mmCIF file of all heavy atoms, coordinates in Angstrom:
data_MODEL
# 
_entry.id   MODEL 
# 
loop_
_atom_site.group_PDB 
_atom_site.id 
_atom_site.type_symbol 
_atom_site.label_atom_id 
_atom_site.label_alt_id 
_atom_site.label_comp_id 
_atom_site.label_asym_id 
_atom_site.label_entity_id 
_atom_site.label_seq_id 
_atom_site.pdbx_PDB_ins_code 
_atom_site.Cartn_x 
_atom_site.Cartn_y 
_atom_site.Cartn_z 
_atom_site.occupancy 
_atom_site.B_iso_or_equiv 
_atom_site.pdbx_formal_charge 
_atom_site.auth_seq_id 
_atom_site.auth_comp_id 
_atom_site.auth_asym_id 
_atom_site.auth_atom_id 
_atom_site.pdbx_PDB_model_num 
ATOM 1   N N   . TRP A 1 1  ? -15.241 0.716   0.476   1.00 0.00 ? 1  TRP A N   1 
ATOM 2   C CA  . TRP A 1 1  ? -13.773 0.729   0.411   1.00 0.00 ? 1  TRP A CA  1 
ATOM 3   C C   . TRP A 1 1  ? -13.301 0.600   -1.074  1.00 0.00 ? 1  TRP A C   1 
ATOM 4   O O   . TRP A 1 1  ? -12.419 1.272   -1.507  1.00 0.00 ? 1  TRP A O   1 
ATOM 5   C CB  . TRP A 1 1  ? -13.171 -0.324  1.316   1.00 0.00 ? 1  TRP A CB  1 
ATOM 6   C CG  . TRP A 1 1  ? -11.720 -0.532  1.102   1.00 0.00 ? 1  TRP A CG  1 
ATOM 7   C CD1 . TRP A 1 1  ? -10.674 0.216   1.618   1.00 0.00 ? 1  TRP A CD1 1 
ATOM 8   C CD2 . TRP A 1 1  ? -11.100 -1.522  0.283   1.00 0.00 ? 1  TRP A CD2 1 
ATOM 9   N NE1 . TRP A 1 1  ? -9.458  -0.268  1.208   1.00 0.00 ? 1  TRP A NE1 1 
ATOM 10  C CE2 . TRP A 1 1  ? -9.717  -1.374  0.450   1.00 0.00 ? 1  TRP A CE2 1 
ATOM 11  C CE3 . TRP A 1 1  ? -11.618 -2.594  -0.483  1.00 0.00 ? 1  TRP A CE3 1 
ATOM 12  C CZ2 . TRP A 1 1  ? -8.800  -2.228  -0.248  1.00 0.00 ? 1  TRP A CZ2 1 
ATOM 13  C CZ3 . TRP A 1 1  ? -10.719 -3.468  -1.132  1.00 0.00 ? 1  TRP A CZ3 1 
ATOM 14  C CH2 . TRP A 1 1  ? -9.330  -3.223  -0.998  1.00 0.00 ? 1  TRP A CH2 1 
ATOM 15  N N   . ALA A 1 2  ? -13.917 -0.387  -1.776  1.00 0.00 ? 2  ALA A N   1 
ATOM 16  C CA  . ALA A 1 2  ? -13.519 -0.616  -3.171  1.00 0.00 ? 2  ALA A CA  1 
ATOM 17  C C   . ALA A 1 2  ? -13.861 0.537   -4.026  1.00 0.00 ? 2  ALA A C   1 
ATOM 18  O O   . ALA A 1 2  ? -13.098 0.835   -4.975  1.00 0.00 ? 2  ALA A O   1 
ATOM 19  C CB  . ALA A 1 2  ? -14.244 -1.899  -3.662  1.00 0.00 ? 2  ALA A CB  1 
ATOM 20  N N   . VAL A 1 3  ? -14.988 1.233   -3.769  1.00 0.00 ? 3  VAL A N   1 
ATOM 21  C CA  . VAL A 1 3  ? -15.299 2.418   -4.562  1.00 0.00 ? 3  VAL A CA  1 
ATOM 22  C C   . VAL A 1 3  ? -14.248 3.462   -4.377  1.00 0.00 ? 3  VAL A C   1 
ATOM 23  O O   . VAL A 1 3  ? -13.764 4.128   -5.334  1.00 0.00 ? 3  VAL A O   1 
ATOM 24  C CB  . VAL A 1 3  ? -16.678 2.971   -4.087  1.00 0.00 ? 3  VAL A CB  1 
ATOM 25  C CG1 . VAL A 1 3  ? -16.962 4.363   -4.711  1.00 0.00 ? 3  VAL A CG1 1 
ATOM 26  C CG2 . VAL A 1 3  ? -17.783 2.009   -4.563  1.00 0.00 ? 3  VAL A CG2 1 
ATOM 27  N N   . ARG A 1 4  ? -13.756 3.697   -3.123  1.00 0.00 ? 4  ARG A N   1 
ATOM 28  C CA  . ARG A 1 4  ? -12.768 4.687   -2.895  1.00 0.00 ? 4  ARG A CA  1 
ATOM 29  C C   . ARG A 1 4  ? -11.401 4.305   -3.529  1.00 0.00 ? 4  ARG A C   1 
ATOM 30  O O   . ARG A 1 4  ? -10.630 5.126   -3.969  1.00 0.00 ? 4  ARG A O   1 
ATOM 31  C CB  . ARG A 1 4  ? -12.564 4.891   -1.401  1.00 0.00 ? 4  ARG A CB  1 
ATOM 32  C CG  . ARG A 1 4  ? -13.743 5.568   -0.689  1.00 0.00 ? 4  ARG A CG  1 
ATOM 33  C CD  . ARG A 1 4  ? -13.344 5.955   0.710   1.00 0.00 ? 4  ARG A CD  1 
ATOM 34  N NE  . ARG A 1 4  ? -12.976 4.861   1.597   1.00 0.00 ? 4  ARG A NE  1 
ATOM 35  C CZ  . ARG A 1 4  ? -13.907 4.146   2.338   1.00 0.00 ? 4  ARG A CZ  1 
ATOM 36  N NH1 . ARG A 1 4  ? -15.178 4.484   2.302   1.00 0.00 ? 4  ARG A NH1 1 
ATOM 37  N NH2 . ARG A 1 4  ? -13.515 3.152   3.086   1.00 0.00 ? 4  ARG A NH2 1 
ATOM 38  N N   . LEU A 1 5  ? -11.158 2.960   -3.633  1.00 0.00 ? 5  LEU A N   1 
ATOM 39  C CA  . LEU A 1 5  ? -9.901  2.466   -4.177  1.00 0.00 ? 5  LEU A CA  1 
ATOM 40  C C   . LEU A 1 5  ? -9.750  2.628   -5.656  1.00 0.00 ? 5  LEU A C   1 
ATOM 41  O O   . LEU A 1 5  ? -8.739  3.092   -6.179  1.00 0.00 ? 5  LEU A O   1 
ATOM 42  C CB  . LEU A 1 5  ? -9.659  1.036   -3.720  1.00 0.00 ? 5  LEU A CB  1 
ATOM 43  C CG  . LEU A 1 5  ? -8.364  0.356   -4.103  1.00 0.00 ? 5  LEU A CG  1 
ATOM 44  C CD1 . LEU A 1 5  ? -7.185  1.045   -3.396  1.00 0.00 ? 5  LEU A CD1 1 
ATOM 45  C CD2 . LEU A 1 5  ? -8.391  -1.158  -3.804  1.00 0.00 ? 5  LEU A CD2 1 
ATOM 46  N N   . VAL A 1 6  ? -10.809 2.107   -6.380  1.00 0.00 ? 6  VAL A N   1 
ATOM 47  C CA  . VAL A 1 6  ? -10.700 2.047   -7.886  1.00 0.00 ? 6  VAL A CA  1 
ATOM 48  C C   . VAL A 1 6  ? -11.655 2.939   -8.590  1.00 0.00 ? 6  VAL A C   1 
ATOM 49  O O   . VAL A 1 6  ? -11.624 3.059   -9.799  1.00 0.00 ? 6  VAL A O   1 
ATOM 50  C CB  . VAL A 1 6  ? -10.809 0.590   -8.340  1.00 0.00 ? 6  VAL A CB  1 
ATOM 51  C CG1 . VAL A 1 6  ? -9.740  -0.322  -7.714  1.00 0.00 ? 6  VAL A CG1 1 
ATOM 52  C CG2 . VAL A 1 6  ? -12.207 0.015   -8.091  1.00 0.00 ? 6  VAL A CG2 1 
ATOM 53  N N   . GLY A 1 7  ? -12.653 3.510   -7.861  1.00 0.00 ? 7  GLY A N   1 
ATOM 54  C CA  . GLY A 1 7  ? -13.697 4.316   -8.490  1.00 0.00 ? 7  GLY A CA  1 
ATOM 55  C C   . GLY A 1 7  ? -14.899 3.476   -8.842  1.00 0.00 ? 7  GLY A C   1 
ATOM 56  O O   . GLY A 1 7  ? -14.831 2.305   -9.149  1.00 0.00 ? 7  GLY A O   1 
ATOM 57  N N   . ALA A 1 8  ? -16.085 4.142   -8.798  1.00 0.00 ? 8  ALA A N   1 
ATOM 58  C CA  . ALA A 1 8  ? -17.369 3.445   -8.930  1.00 0.00 ? 8  ALA A CA  1 
ATOM 59  C C   . ALA A 1 8  ? -17.502 2.807   -10.342 1.00 0.00 ? 8  ALA A C   1 
ATOM 60  O O   . ALA A 1 8  ? -17.873 1.631   -10.406 1.00 0.00 ? 8  ALA A O   1 
ATOM 61  C CB  . ALA A 1 8  ? -18.527 4.425   -8.679  1.00 0.00 ? 8  ALA A CB  1 
ATOM 62  N N   . ARG A 1 9  ? -17.148 3.554   -11.397 1.00 0.00 ? 9  ARG A N   1 
ATOM 63  C CA  . ARG A 1 9  ? -17.353 3.022   -12.708 1.00 0.00 ? 9  ARG A CA  1 
ATOM 64  C C   . ARG A 1 9  ? -16.375 1.842   -13.019 1.00 0.00 ? 9  ARG A C   1 
ATOM 65  O O   . ARG A 1 9  ? -16.857 0.784   -13.485 1.00 0.00 ? 9  ARG A O   1 
ATOM 66  C CB  . ARG A 1 9  ? -16.982 4.113   -13.755 1.00 0.00 ? 9  ARG A CB  1 
ATOM 67  C CG  . ARG A 1 9  ? -17.316 3.666   -15.207 1.00 0.00 ? 9  ARG A CG  1 
ATOM 68  C CD  . ARG A 1 9  ? -16.515 4.494   -16.190 1.00 0.00 ? 9  ARG A CD  1 
ATOM 69  N NE  . ARG A 1 9  ? -16.670 5.962   -16.004 1.00 0.00 ? 9  ARG A NE  1 
ATOM 70  C CZ  . ARG A 1 9  ? -17.633 6.692   -16.461 1.00 0.00 ? 9  ARG A CZ  1 
ATOM 71  N NH1 . ARG A 1 9  ? -18.576 6.085   -17.261 1.00 0.00 ? 9  ARG A NH1 1 
ATOM 72  N NH2 . ARG A 1 9  ? -17.696 7.947   -16.190 1.00 0.00 ? 9  ARG A NH2 1 
ATOM 73  N N   . ASN A 1 10 ? -15.122 1.948   -12.622 1.00 0.00 ? 10 ASN A N   1 
ATOM 74  C CA  . ASN A 1 10 ? -14.184 0.858   -12.825 1.00 0.00 ? 10 ASN A CA  1 
ATOM 75  C C   . ASN A 1 10 ? -14.610 -0.410  -12.103 1.00 0.00 ? 10 ASN A C   1 
ATOM 76  O O   . ASN A 1 10 ? -14.513 -1.539  -12.592 1.00 0.00 ? 10 ASN A O   1 
ATOM 77  C CB  . ASN A 1 10 ? -12.809 1.223   -12.420 1.00 0.00 ? 10 ASN A CB  1 
ATOM 78  C CG  . ASN A 1 10 ? -12.186 2.284   -13.343 1.00 0.00 ? 10 ASN A CG  1 
ATOM 79  O OD1 . ASN A 1 10 ? -12.617 2.394   -14.507 1.00 0.00 ? 10 ASN A OD1 1 
ATOM 80  N ND2 . ASN A 1 10 ? -11.208 3.108   -12.840 1.00 0.00 ? 10 ASN A ND2 1 
ATOM 81  N N   . LEU A 1 11 ? -15.118 -0.210  -10.843 1.00 0.00 ? 11 LEU A N   1 
ATOM 82  C CA  . LEU A 1 11 ? -15.541 -1.337  -10.026 1.00 0.00 ? 11 LEU A CA  1 
ATOM 83  C C   . LEU A 1 11 ? -16.732 -2.019  -10.707 1.00 0.00 ? 11 LEU A C   1 
ATOM 84  O O   . LEU A 1 11 ? -16.778 -3.277  -10.796 1.00 0.00 ? 11 LEU A O   1 
ATOM 85  C CB  . LEU A 1 11 ? -15.914 -0.887  -8.639  1.00 0.00 ? 11 LEU A CB  1 
ATOM 86  C CG  . LEU A 1 11 ? -16.412 -1.957  -7.749  1.00 0.00 ? 11 LEU A CG  1 
ATOM 87  C CD1 . LEU A 1 11 ? -15.334 -2.989  -7.441  1.00 0.00 ? 11 LEU A CD1 1 
ATOM 88  C CD2 . LEU A 1 11 ? -16.887 -1.310  -6.339  1.00 0.00 ? 11 LEU A CD2 1 
ATOM 89  N N   . ALA A 1 12 ? -17.734 -1.288  -11.196 1.00 0.00 ? 12 ALA A N   1 
ATOM 90  C CA  . ALA A 1 12 ? -18.934 -1.840  -11.868 1.00 0.00 ? 12 ALA A CA  1 
ATOM 91  C C   . ALA A 1 12 ? -18.553 -2.574  -13.103 1.00 0.00 ? 12 ALA A C   1 
ATOM 92  O O   . ALA A 1 12 ? -19.071 -3.713  -13.342 1.00 0.00 ? 12 ALA A O   1 
ATOM 93  C CB  . ALA A 1 12 ? -19.958 -0.770  -12.079 1.00 0.00 ? 12 ALA A CB  1 
ATOM 94  N N   . VAL A 1 13 ? -17.683 -1.959  -13.949 1.00 0.00 ? 13 VAL A N   1 
ATOM 95  C CA  . VAL A 1 13 ? -17.340 -2.664  -15.158 1.00 0.00 ? 13 VAL A CA  1 
ATOM 96  C C   . VAL A 1 13 ? -16.585 -3.962  -14.858 1.00 0.00 ? 13 VAL A C   1 
ATOM 97  O O   . VAL A 1 13 ? -16.847 -5.042  -15.491 1.00 0.00 ? 13 VAL A O   1 
ATOM 98  C CB  . VAL A 1 13 ? -16.493 -1.655  -16.033 1.00 0.00 ? 13 VAL A CB  1 
ATOM 99  C CG1 . VAL A 1 13 ? -15.933 -2.420  -17.235 1.00 0.00 ? 13 VAL A CG1 1 
ATOM 100 C CG2 . VAL A 1 13 ? -17.327 -0.548  -16.527 1.00 0.00 ? 13 VAL A CG2 1 
ATOM 101 N N   . GLY A 1 14 ? -15.613 -3.922  -13.983 1.00 0.00 ? 14 GLY A N   1 
ATOM 102 C CA  . GLY A 1 14 ? -14.812 -5.054  -13.609 1.00 0.00 ? 14 GLY A CA  1 
ATOM 103 C C   . GLY A 1 14 ? -15.686 -6.253  -13.108 1.00 0.00 ? 14 GLY A C   1 
ATOM 104 O O   . GLY A 1 14 ? -15.494 -7.375  -13.443 1.00 0.00 ? 14 GLY A O   1 
ATOM 105 N N   . CYS A 1 15 ? -16.648 -5.872  -12.245 1.00 0.00 ? 15 CYS A N   1 
ATOM 106 C CA  . CYS A 1 15 ? -17.521 -6.901  -11.684 1.00 0.00 ? 15 CYS A CA  1 
ATOM 107 C C   . CYS A 1 15 ? -18.426 -7.519  -12.742 1.00 0.00 ? 15 CYS A C   1 
ATOM 108 O O   . CYS A 1 15 ? -18.718 -8.733  -12.648 1.00 0.00 ? 15 CYS A O   1 
ATOM 109 C CB  . CYS A 1 15 ? -18.358 -6.269  -10.556 1.00 0.00 ? 15 CYS A CB  1 
ATOM 110 S SG  . CYS A 1 15 ? -17.374 -5.934  -9.040  1.00 0.00 ? 15 CYS A SG  1 
ATOM 111 N N   . SER A 1 16 ? -18.860 -6.762  -13.700 1.00 0.00 ? 16 SER A N   1 
ATOM 112 C CA  . SER A 1 16 ? -19.740 -7.275  -14.812 1.00 0.00 ? 16 SER A CA  1 
ATOM 113 C C   . SER A 1 16 ? -18.904 -8.288  -15.568 1.00 0.00 ? 16 SER A C   1 
ATOM 114 O O   . SER A 1 16 ? -19.461 -9.347  -15.945 1.00 0.00 ? 16 SER A O   1 
ATOM 115 C CB  . SER A 1 16 ? -20.155 -6.187  -15.728 1.00 0.00 ? 16 SER A CB  1 
ATOM 116 O OG  . SER A 1 16 ? -20.976 -5.228  -15.077 1.00 0.00 ? 16 SER A OG  1 
ATOM 117 N N   . ILE A 1 17 ? -17.642 -8.003  -15.856 1.00 0.00 ? 17 ILE A N   1 
ATOM 118 C CA  . ILE A 1 17 ? -16.844 -8.940  -16.624 1.00 0.00 ? 17 ILE A CA  1 
ATOM 119 C C   . ILE A 1 17 ? -16.566 -10.178 -15.737 1.00 0.00 ? 17 ILE A C   1 
ATOM 120 O O   . ILE A 1 17 ? -16.608 -11.298 -16.268 1.00 0.00 ? 17 ILE A O   1 
ATOM 121 C CB  . ILE A 1 17 ? -15.494 -8.284  -17.038 1.00 0.00 ? 17 ILE A CB  1 
ATOM 122 C CG1 . ILE A 1 17 ? -15.856 -7.148  -18.021 1.00 0.00 ? 17 ILE A CG1 1 
ATOM 123 C CG2 . ILE A 1 17 ? -14.540 -9.288  -17.667 1.00 0.00 ? 17 ILE A CG2 1 
ATOM 124 C CD1 . ILE A 1 17 ? -14.589 -6.271  -18.334 1.00 0.00 ? 17 ILE A CD1 1 
ATOM 125 N N   . ALA A 1 18 ? -16.337 -10.005 -14.502 1.00 0.00 ? 18 ALA A N   1 
ATOM 126 C CA  . ALA A 1 18 ? -16.050 -11.174 -13.622 1.00 0.00 ? 18 ALA A CA  1 
ATOM 127 C C   . ALA A 1 18 ? -17.287 -12.075 -13.538 1.00 0.00 ? 18 ALA A C   1 
ATOM 128 O O   . ALA A 1 18 ? -17.139 -13.293 -13.508 1.00 0.00 ? 18 ALA A O   1 
ATOM 129 C CB  . ALA A 1 18 ? -15.668 -10.660 -12.230 1.00 0.00 ? 18 ALA A CB  1 
ATOM 130 N N   . ALA A 1 19 ? -18.526 -11.450 -13.497 1.00 0.00 ? 19 ALA A N   1 
ATOM 131 C CA  . ALA A 1 19 ? -19.717 -12.352 -13.503 1.00 0.00 ? 19 ALA A CA  1 
ATOM 132 C C   . ALA A 1 19 ? -19.853 -13.122 -14.757 1.00 0.00 ? 19 ALA A C   1 
ATOM 133 O O   . ALA A 1 19 ? -20.252 -14.283 -14.709 1.00 0.00 ? 19 ALA A O   1 
ATOM 134 C CB  . ALA A 1 19 ? -20.933 -11.440 -13.302 1.00 0.00 ? 19 ALA A CB  1 
ATOM 135 N N   . ALA A 1 20 ? -19.473 -12.562 -15.876 1.00 0.00 ? 20 ALA A N   1 
ATOM 136 C CA  . ALA A 1 20 ? -19.564 -13.253 -17.183 1.00 0.00 ? 20 ALA A CA  1 
ATOM 137 C C   . ALA A 1 20 ? -18.608 -14.457 -17.117 1.00 0.00 ? 20 ALA A C   1 
ATOM 138 O O   . ALA A 1 20 ? -18.925 -15.549 -17.643 1.00 0.00 ? 20 ALA A O   1 
ATOM 139 C CB  . ALA A 1 20 ? -19.198 -12.310 -18.295 1.00 0.00 ? 20 ALA A CB  1 
ATOM 140 N N   . ILE A 1 21 ? -17.416 -14.259 -16.569 1.00 0.00 ? 21 ILE A N   1 
ATOM 141 C CA  . ILE A 1 21 ? -16.455 -15.359 -16.455 1.00 0.00 ? 21 ILE A CA  1 
ATOM 142 C C   . ILE A 1 21 ? -16.970 -16.463 -15.581 1.00 0.00 ? 21 ILE A C   1 
ATOM 143 O O   . ILE A 1 21 ? -16.841 -17.649 -15.834 1.00 0.00 ? 21 ILE A O   1 
ATOM 144 C CB  . ILE A 1 21 ? -15.116 -14.796 -15.921 1.00 0.00 ? 21 ILE A CB  1 
ATOM 145 C CG1 . ILE A 1 21 ? -14.480 -13.879 -16.980 1.00 0.00 ? 21 ILE A CG1 1 
ATOM 146 C CG2 . ILE A 1 21 ? -14.139 -15.997 -15.604 1.00 0.00 ? 21 ILE A CG2 1 
ATOM 147 C CD1 . ILE A 1 21 ? -13.220 -13.153 -16.445 1.00 0.00 ? 21 ILE A CD1 1 
ATOM 148 N N   . CYS A 1 22 ? -17.665 -16.125 -14.459 1.00 0.00 ? 22 CYS A N   1 
ATOM 149 C CA  . CYS A 1 22 ? -18.301 -17.118 -13.588 1.00 0.00 ? 22 CYS A CA  1 
ATOM 150 C C   . CYS A 1 22 ? -19.273 -17.972 -14.334 1.00 0.00 ? 22 CYS A C   1 
ATOM 151 O O   . CYS A 1 22 ? -19.340 -19.179 -14.141 1.00 0.00 ? 22 CYS A O   1 
ATOM 152 C CB  . CYS A 1 22 ? -18.879 -16.447 -12.406 1.00 0.00 ? 22 CYS A CB  1 
ATOM 153 S SG  . CYS A 1 22 ? -17.736 -15.772 -11.157 1.00 0.00 ? 22 CYS A SG  1 
ATOM 154 N N   . PHE A 1 23 ? -20.164 -17.327 -15.087 1.00 0.00 ? 23 PHE A N   1 
ATOM 155 C CA  . PHE A 1 23 ? -21.126 -18.089 -15.864 1.00 0.00 ? 23 PHE A CA  1 
ATOM 156 C C   . PHE A 1 23 ? -20.464 -18.961 -16.889 1.00 0.00 ? 23 PHE A C   1 
ATOM 157 O O   . PHE A 1 23 ? -20.959 -20.090 -17.205 1.00 0.00 ? 23 PHE A O   1 
ATOM 158 C CB  . PHE A 1 23 ? -22.153 -17.148 -16.528 1.00 0.00 ? 23 PHE A CB  1 
ATOM 159 C CG  . PHE A 1 23 ? -23.365 -16.845 -15.664 1.00 0.00 ? 23 PHE A CG  1 
ATOM 160 C CD1 . PHE A 1 23 ? -23.270 -15.863 -14.712 1.00 0.00 ? 23 PHE A CD1 1 
ATOM 161 C CD2 . PHE A 1 23 ? -24.499 -17.574 -15.817 1.00 0.00 ? 23 PHE A CD2 1 
ATOM 162 C CE1 . PHE A 1 23 ? -24.387 -15.555 -13.912 1.00 0.00 ? 23 PHE A CE1 1 
ATOM 163 C CE2 . PHE A 1 23 ? -25.593 -17.291 -15.027 1.00 0.00 ? 23 PHE A CE2 1 
ATOM 164 C CZ  . PHE A 1 23 ? -25.504 -16.314 -14.060 1.00 0.00 ? 23 PHE A CZ  1 
ATOM 165 N N   . LEU A 1 24 ? -19.376 -18.483 -17.530 1.00 0.00 ? 24 LEU A N   1 
ATOM 166 C CA  . LEU A 1 24 ? -18.584 -19.360 -18.403 1.00 0.00 ? 24 LEU A CA  1 
ATOM 167 C C   . LEU A 1 24 ? -18.132 -20.605 -17.766 1.00 0.00 ? 24 LEU A C   1 
ATOM 168 O O   . LEU A 1 24 ? -18.228 -21.716 -18.315 1.00 0.00 ? 24 LEU A O   1 
ATOM 169 C CB  . LEU A 1 24 ? -17.478 -18.521 -19.032 1.00 0.00 ? 24 LEU A CB  1 
ATOM 170 C CG  . LEU A 1 24 ? -16.547 -19.269 -19.984 1.00 0.00 ? 24 LEU A CG  1 
ATOM 171 C CD1 . LEU A 1 24 ? -17.295 -19.642 -21.262 1.00 0.00 ? 24 LEU A CD1 1 
ATOM 172 C CD2 . LEU A 1 24 ? -15.342 -18.428 -20.355 1.00 0.00 ? 24 LEU A CD2 1 
ATOM 173 N N   . LEU A 1 25 ? -17.594 -20.427 -16.562 1.00 0.00 ? 25 LEU A N   1 
ATOM 174 C CA  . LEU A 1 25 ? -17.062 -21.633 -15.872 1.00 0.00 ? 25 LEU A CA  1 
ATOM 175 C C   . LEU A 1 25 ? -18.234 -22.577 -15.391 1.00 0.00 ? 25 LEU A C   1 
ATOM 176 O O   . LEU A 1 25 ? -18.064 -23.767 -15.411 1.00 0.00 ? 25 LEU A O   1 
ATOM 177 C CB  . LEU A 1 25 ? -16.305 -21.106 -14.595 1.00 0.00 ? 25 LEU A CB  1 
ATOM 178 C CG  . LEU A 1 25 ? -14.990 -20.433 -14.848 1.00 0.00 ? 25 LEU A CG  1 
ATOM 179 C CD1 . LEU A 1 25 ? -14.428 -19.804 -13.607 1.00 0.00 ? 25 LEU A CD1 1 
ATOM 180 C CD2 . LEU A 1 25 ? -14.028 -21.393 -15.526 1.00 0.00 ? 25 LEU A CD2 1 
ATOM 181 N N   . ILE A 1 26 ? -19.357 -21.965 -15.003 1.00 0.00 ? 26 ILE A N   1 
ATOM 182 C CA  . ILE A 1 26 ? -20.512 -22.818 -14.626 1.00 0.00 ? 26 ILE A CA  1 
ATOM 183 C C   . ILE A 1 26 ? -20.991 -23.701 -15.847 1.00 0.00 ? 26 ILE A C   1 
ATOM 184 O O   . ILE A 1 26 ? -21.215 -24.847 -15.659 1.00 0.00 ? 26 ILE A O   1 
ATOM 185 C CB  . ILE A 1 26 ? -21.667 -21.959 -14.070 1.00 0.00 ? 26 ILE A CB  1 
ATOM 186 C CG1 . ILE A 1 26 ? -21.295 -21.444 -12.662 1.00 0.00 ? 26 ILE A CG1 1 
ATOM 187 C CG2 . ILE A 1 26 ? -22.965 -22.741 -14.010 1.00 0.00 ? 26 ILE A CG2 1 
ATOM 188 C CD1 . ILE A 1 26 ? -22.350 -20.419 -12.142 1.00 0.00 ? 26 ILE A CD1 1 
ATOM 189 N N   . GLY A 1 27 ? -21.073 -23.038 -16.995 1.00 0.00 ? 27 GLY A N   1 
ATOM 190 C CA  . GLY A 1 27 ? -21.534 -23.777 -18.169 1.00 0.00 ? 27 GLY A CA  1 
ATOM 191 C C   . GLY A 1 27 ? -20.482 -24.857 -18.596 1.00 0.00 ? 27 GLY A C   1 
ATOM 192 O O   . GLY A 1 27 ? -20.862 -25.902 -19.033 1.00 0.00 ? 27 GLY A O   1 
# 
C-alpha cells in the first residue's frame, strides 16, 4: 500500500533517513 501511495524510491529513501534518526535517539 505504501509503495502505491508514495512510490518505491521515495519510500526507501524516507525509511533510510528514519532508521538513521532511530539510531541517533538510541545513542
